[in-house]
Every structure is written in structure tokens, then in C-alpha cells.
Amino acid sequence: MNKTFKVIDENNIEREASLITVIEVDKKEYAIYSIVRDENTVNIFVSQLLKNEDGKDVLKNITDEREKEKIDKIVKDIIKLPL
């Protein structure tokens, strides 16, 4: 899966993100994606994946702390899997 898209980061800078995978948890979809910050830093992010009124995929920040903790644990478990 090699899908790239643009995101606006916390500093209001447009960055290119690369989709790693999409997971489903409790009937909700979440996108796991990476953003290269510089030649030494790649950050991994997770956002809820929703469809807008035009049927296009949009990312929504996870604001509920319990949901965030649950998804964070799942993603960490996925990252620890041996290749």
C-alpha cells in the first residue's frame, strides 16, 4: 500500500504523509500514517478515518482519552510484530 497525501501539521505546515495501513476497531476505521520530519526523523500518527459529504476520506483527530489509549496500544502492538 503506497498512498501519499497532504496534511497540515500542528505548526500549520503542509507535509506529505504516507499511509501505512487502515485498521478497524469497534466499527471505526483508523488510518496509521507516517510523516518524514527531516532526514533523521519519521513520526507515526493515527487518526480516525471518516467520509465527508462528498464521499472523500478525511482524517479526524482522536480526542477521547480512552479511545486514544486503546488505539495507541493497538498500534504499538502492531509495530512490535516481527516482519
N, C-alpha and C. Protein backbone atom coordinates (compact mmCIF):
# COMPACT_ATOMS: atom_id res chain seq x y z
N MET A 1 0.86 -1.17 0.00
CA MET A 1 0.00 0.00 0.00
C MET A 1 0.90 1.23 0.00
N ASN A 2 0.86 1.99 -1.07
CA ASN A 2 1.73 3.16 -1.18
C ASN A 2 0.89 4.38 -1.54
N LYS A 3 0.20 4.90 -0.57
CA LYS A 3 -0.67 6.06 -0.82
C LYS A 3 -0.12 7.25 -0.05
N THR A 4 0.09 8.35 -0.74
CA THR A 4 0.55 9.56 -0.08
C THR A 4 -0.54 10.62 -0.17
N PHE A 5 -0.51 11.51 0.80
CA PHE A 5 -1.50 12.59 0.85
C PHE A 5 -0.91 13.74 1.64
N LYS A 6 -1.53 14.89 1.57
CA LYS A 6 -1.06 16.08 2.26
C LYS A 6 -1.81 16.26 3.58
N VAL A 7 -1.09 16.69 4.61
CA VAL A 7 -1.69 17.03 5.90
C VAL A 7 -1.10 18.36 6.35
N ILE A 8 -1.83 19.06 7.19
CA ILE A 8 -1.33 20.28 7.81
C ILE A 8 -0.95 19.92 9.24
N ASP A 9 0.31 20.16 9.60
CA ASP A 9 0.76 19.76 10.94
C ASP A 9 0.39 20.80 12.00
N GLU A 10 0.82 20.54 13.22
CA GLU A 10 0.49 21.41 14.35
C GLU A 10 1.07 22.81 14.23
N ASN A 11 2.07 22.98 13.34
CA ASN A 11 2.68 24.29 13.11
C ASN A 11 2.14 24.95 11.84
N ASN A 12 1.03 24.40 11.33
CA ASN A 12 0.37 24.92 10.14
C ASN A 12 1.24 24.80 8.88
N ILE A 13 2.08 23.76 8.85
CA ILE A 13 2.94 23.48 7.71
C ILE A 13 2.36 22.29 6.95
N GLU A 14 2.23 22.42 5.63
CA GLU A 14 1.76 21.31 4.83
C GLU A 14 2.88 20.30 4.67
N ARG A 15 2.57 19.04 4.96
CA ARG A 15 3.56 17.96 4.86
C ARG A 15 2.97 16.79 4.08
N GLU A 16 3.84 15.99 3.50
CA GLU A 16 3.40 14.80 2.80
C GLU A 16 3.38 13.64 3.79
N ALA A 17 2.27 12.92 3.82
CA ALA A 17 2.12 11.76 4.68
C ALA A 17 2.01 10.52 3.82
N SER A 18 2.46 9.40 4.37
CA SER A 18 2.38 8.11 3.68
C SER A 18 1.52 7.16 4.50
N LEU A 19 0.48 6.65 3.88
CA LEU A 19 -0.39 5.71 4.56
C LEU A 19 0.33 4.40 4.79
N ILE A 20 0.32 3.93 6.04
CA ILE A 20 0.92 2.64 6.36
C ILE A 20 -0.15 1.56 6.24
N THR A 21 -1.27 1.76 6.93
CA THR A 21 -2.38 0.81 6.85
C THR A 21 -3.63 1.43 7.46
N VAL A 22 -4.74 0.78 7.27
CA VAL A 22 -6.00 1.17 7.88
C VAL A 22 -6.45 0.00 8.74
N ILE A 23 -6.85 0.28 9.98
CA ILE A 23 -7.35 -0.76 10.87
C ILE A 23 -8.77 -0.42 11.27
N GLU A 24 -9.52 -1.45 11.65
CA GLU A 24 -10.87 -1.24 12.16
C GLU A 24 -10.92 -1.70 13.61
N VAL A 25 -11.41 -0.82 14.47
CA VAL A 25 -11.54 -1.10 15.90
C VAL A 25 -12.92 -0.59 16.33
N ASP A 26 -13.70 -1.45 16.93
CA ASP A 26 -15.03 -1.08 17.42
C ASP A 26 -15.87 -0.39 16.34
N LYS A 27 -15.84 -0.97 15.14
CA LYS A 27 -16.63 -0.49 13.99
C LYS A 27 -16.23 0.90 13.51
N LYS A 28 -15.04 1.36 13.88
CA LYS A 28 -14.50 2.62 13.38
C LYS A 28 -13.20 2.31 12.65
N GLU A 29 -12.93 3.08 11.59
CA GLU A 29 -11.68 2.91 10.86
C GLU A 29 -10.67 3.96 11.29
N TYR A 30 -9.42 3.53 11.36
CA TYR A 30 -8.32 4.41 11.74
C TYR A 30 -7.20 4.27 10.71
N ALA A 31 -6.65 5.39 10.31
CA ALA A 31 -5.52 5.40 9.39
C ALA A 31 -4.23 5.55 10.20
N ILE A 32 -3.29 4.67 9.93
CA ILE A 32 -1.95 4.77 10.51
C ILE A 32 -1.06 5.28 9.39
N TYR A 33 -0.37 6.40 9.64
CA TYR A 33 0.42 7.01 8.58
C TYR A 33 1.69 7.62 9.16
N SER A 34 2.63 7.87 8.26
CA SER A 34 3.92 8.45 8.69
C SER A 34 4.15 9.78 7.99
N ILE A 35 4.92 10.62 8.68
CA ILE A 35 5.35 11.90 8.12
C ILE A 35 6.85 12.02 8.38
N VAL A 36 7.59 12.28 7.31
CA VAL A 36 9.03 12.49 7.43
C VAL A 36 9.23 13.94 7.85
N ARG A 37 9.85 14.13 9.02
CA ARG A 37 10.11 15.49 9.53
C ARG A 37 11.42 16.04 8.99
N ASP A 38 12.44 15.19 8.98
CA ASP A 38 13.74 15.55 8.42
C ASP A 38 14.45 14.25 8.10
N GLU A 39 15.69 14.32 7.72
CA GLU A 39 16.39 13.10 7.28
C GLU A 39 16.59 12.08 8.40
N ASN A 40 16.42 12.49 9.65
CA ASN A 40 16.61 11.58 10.78
C ASN A 40 15.34 11.26 11.55
N THR A 41 14.22 11.89 11.19
CA THR A 41 13.01 11.73 12.00
C THR A 41 11.79 11.42 11.13
N VAL A 42 11.14 10.32 11.48
CA VAL A 42 9.86 9.95 10.88
C VAL A 42 8.89 9.75 12.03
N ASN A 43 7.76 10.44 11.98
CA ASN A 43 6.74 10.30 13.02
C ASN A 43 5.59 9.44 12.51
N ILE A 44 5.04 8.63 13.41
CA ILE A 44 3.88 7.80 13.11
C ILE A 44 2.66 8.43 13.78
N PHE A 45 1.56 8.54 13.03
CA PHE A 45 0.33 9.13 13.54
C PHE A 45 -0.84 8.19 13.29
N VAL A 46 -1.89 8.36 14.09
CA VAL A 46 -3.14 7.62 13.89
C VAL A 46 -4.28 8.62 14.00
N SER A 47 -5.19 8.56 13.04
CA SER A 47 -6.38 9.41 13.05
C SER A 47 -7.57 8.56 12.65
N GLN A 48 -8.74 8.97 13.12
CA GLN A 48 -9.95 8.28 12.69
C GLN A 48 -10.19 8.62 11.22
N LEU A 49 -10.59 7.65 10.46
CA LEU A 49 -10.84 7.82 9.04
C LEU A 49 -12.35 7.88 8.81
N LEU A 50 -12.80 8.99 8.25
CA LEU A 50 -14.23 9.21 8.00
C LEU A 50 -14.45 9.60 6.55
N LYS A 51 -15.68 9.55 6.10
CA LYS A 51 -16.06 10.03 4.78
C LYS A 51 -16.76 11.37 4.95
N ASN A 52 -16.40 12.36 4.12
CA ASN A 52 -17.10 13.65 4.18
C ASN A 52 -18.36 13.58 3.32
N GLU A 53 -19.06 14.69 3.20
CA GLU A 53 -20.32 14.70 2.46
C GLU A 53 -20.14 14.42 0.97
N ASP A 54 -18.91 14.58 0.46
CA ASP A 54 -18.61 14.28 -0.94
C ASP A 54 -18.14 12.84 -1.14
N GLY A 55 -18.08 12.08 -0.04
CA GLY A 55 -17.63 10.69 -0.11
C GLY A 55 -16.13 10.53 -0.10
N LYS A 56 -15.41 11.62 0.18
CA LYS A 56 -13.94 11.55 0.23
C LYS A 56 -13.48 11.24 1.64
N ASP A 57 -12.35 10.55 1.73
CA ASP A 57 -11.77 10.22 3.03
C ASP A 57 -11.23 11.47 3.69
N VAL A 58 -11.49 11.63 4.98
CA VAL A 58 -10.92 12.72 5.77
C VAL A 58 -10.42 12.13 7.09
N LEU A 59 -9.43 12.78 7.66
CA LEU A 59 -8.86 12.36 8.93
C LEU A 59 -9.41 13.22 10.06
N LYS A 60 -9.71 12.60 11.17
CA LYS A 60 -10.21 13.32 12.35
C LYS A 60 -9.33 12.95 13.54
N ASN A 61 -8.89 13.95 14.27
CA ASN A 61 -8.11 13.69 15.47
C ASN A 61 -8.92 12.88 16.47
N ILE A 62 -8.25 12.02 17.19
CA ILE A 62 -8.89 11.25 18.25
C ILE A 62 -8.82 12.09 19.51
N THR A 63 -9.96 12.53 20.01
CA THR A 63 -9.98 13.43 21.16
C THR A 63 -10.36 12.73 22.46
N ASP A 64 -11.08 11.62 22.40
CA ASP A 64 -11.47 10.89 23.59
C ASP A 64 -10.25 10.15 24.15
N GLU A 65 -9.92 10.41 25.42
CA GLU A 65 -8.71 9.83 26.02
C GLU A 65 -8.72 8.31 26.07
N ARG A 66 -9.86 7.71 26.39
CA ARG A 66 -9.95 6.24 26.44
C ARG A 66 -9.74 5.64 25.06
N GLU A 67 -10.39 6.25 24.08
CA GLU A 67 -10.24 5.78 22.70
C GLU A 67 -8.78 5.92 22.26
N LYS A 68 -8.18 7.06 22.58
CA LYS A 68 -6.79 7.32 22.21
C LYS A 68 -5.84 6.29 22.82
N GLU A 69 -6.03 5.98 24.11
CA GLU A 69 -5.20 4.99 24.79
C GLU A 69 -5.35 3.61 24.16
N LYS A 70 -6.59 3.24 23.84
CA LYS A 70 -6.87 1.93 23.25
C LYS A 70 -6.20 1.81 21.88
N ILE A 71 -6.37 2.81 21.04
CA ILE A 71 -5.78 2.79 19.70
C ILE A 71 -4.26 2.84 19.78
N ASP A 72 -3.73 3.63 20.70
CA ASP A 72 -2.28 3.73 20.89
C ASP A 72 -1.69 2.36 21.23
N LYS A 73 -2.34 1.62 22.12
CA LYS A 73 -1.86 0.29 22.50
C LYS A 73 -1.89 -0.67 21.31
N ILE A 74 -2.97 -0.63 20.53
CA ILE A 74 -3.09 -1.50 19.36
C ILE A 74 -1.99 -1.19 18.36
N VAL A 75 -1.75 0.09 18.09
CA VAL A 75 -0.72 0.48 17.13
C VAL A 75 0.66 0.06 17.64
N LYS A 76 0.94 0.24 18.90
CA LYS A 76 2.23 -0.19 19.45
C LYS A 76 2.41 -1.69 19.31
N ASP A 77 1.32 -2.46 19.52
CA ASP A 77 1.39 -3.91 19.33
C ASP A 77 1.66 -4.27 17.88
N ILE A 78 1.05 -3.54 16.95
CA ILE A 78 1.28 -3.78 15.52
C ILE A 78 2.73 -3.50 15.17
N ILE A 79 3.26 -2.40 15.66
CA ILE A 79 4.64 -2.02 15.35
C ILE A 79 5.64 -3.04 15.89
N LYS A 80 5.32 -3.68 17.03
CA LYS A 80 6.22 -4.66 17.63
C LYS A 80 6.22 -6.00 16.92
N LEU A 81 5.24 -6.25 16.03
CA LEU A 81 5.17 -7.54 15.34
C LEU A 81 6.42 -7.78 14.53
N PRO A 82 6.95 -9.01 14.58
CA PRO A 82 8.12 -9.31 13.76
C PRO A 82 7.73 -9.35 12.28
N LEU A 83 8.64 -8.89 11.44
CA LEU A 83 8.37 -8.88 9.99
C LEU A 83 8.73 -10.20 9.36
